[in-house]
Protein backbone atom coordinates (compact mmCIF):
# COMPACT_ATOMS: atom_id res chain seq x y z
CA MET A 1 -1.10 5.35 2.78
CA ARG A 2 1.23 6.62 -0.46
CA GLN A 3 2.99 4.28 -2.76
CA THR A 4 6.34 4.79 -2.73
CA GLY A 5 7.71 2.08 -4.58
CA SER A 6 6.98 0.66 -8.06
CA PRO A 7 5.65 -3.10 -8.68
CA ILE A 8 7.81 -3.43 -11.96
CA ARG A 9 10.28 -6.82 -11.27
CA ARG A 10 8.06 -7.90 -8.22
CA GLU A 11 5.91 -10.69 -7.96
CA ALA A 12 2.61 -10.23 -9.66
CA SER A 13 1.08 -10.89 -6.57
CA GLN A 14 2.46 -7.61 -5.07
CA GLY A 15 1.12 -5.73 -8.16
CA ALA A 16 -1.96 -7.19 -7.56
CA THR A 17 -1.95 -6.49 -3.76
CA LEU A 18 -1.36 -2.70 -4.72
CA LYS A 19 -4.52 -2.39 -7.16
CA GLY A 20 -6.65 -4.04 -4.16
CA LEU A 21 -5.49 -1.24 -1.90
CA GLY A 22 -6.57 1.41 -4.54
CA LEU A 23 -2.89 1.91 -5.57
CA GLY A 24 -0.92 1.38 -8.97
CA LYS A 25 1.30 4.44 -9.62
CA ILE A 26 3.95 5.91 -7.38
CA GLY A 27 2.86 9.17 -5.67
CA ARG A 28 -0.73 7.73 -5.79
CA GLU A 29 -2.46 8.35 -1.91
CA ARG A 30 -5.68 6.69 -0.62
CA GLU A 31 -7.19 6.58 2.59
CA LEU A 32 -8.25 3.43 3.79
CA GLU A 33 -10.01 1.65 6.92
CA ASP A 34 -7.94 -0.10 9.56
CA THR A 35 -9.06 -3.44 9.15
CA PRO A 36 -7.14 -6.49 9.62
CA ALA A 37 -7.72 -7.07 6.28
CA ILE A 38 -6.31 -4.13 4.86
CA ARG A 39 -3.13 -4.58 7.66
CA GLY A 40 -2.46 -7.42 6.07
CA MET A 41 -2.65 -6.27 2.66
CA VAL A 42 -0.23 -3.41 3.82
CA ARG A 43 2.06 -5.84 5.59
CA LYS A 44 2.61 -7.78 1.97
CA VAL A 45 4.01 -4.53 0.37
CA ARG A 46 4.92 -2.59 3.16
CA HIS A 47 8.51 -1.76 0.96
CA MET A 48 6.73 -0.03 -1.17
CA VAL A 49 4.31 1.93 0.93
CA GLU A 50 4.31 4.65 3.51
CA ILE A 51 1.53 5.54 5.94
CA VAL A 52 0.97 9.04 6.25
CA GLY A 53 -1.57 11.28 7.93
CA GLU A 54 -3.40 10.80 11.11
CA GLU A 55 -2.48 7.06 11.25
CA ALA A 56 1.80 7.44 11.16
CA ALA A 57 1.72 9.36 14.37
CA LYS A 58 0.00 6.37 16.40
């Protein structure tokens, strides 16, 4: 997963969700386990992240 958007001028909870995902700066990437909790977090900030790698192919 790669962060593509900034949490500036967004709800504070969205910035906290990005930090929980291990992101925080545009362009930062993390490989995360596919769990319901992670999917929920990604859904909350889907406008600021993109899925890259093998998971994007599914």
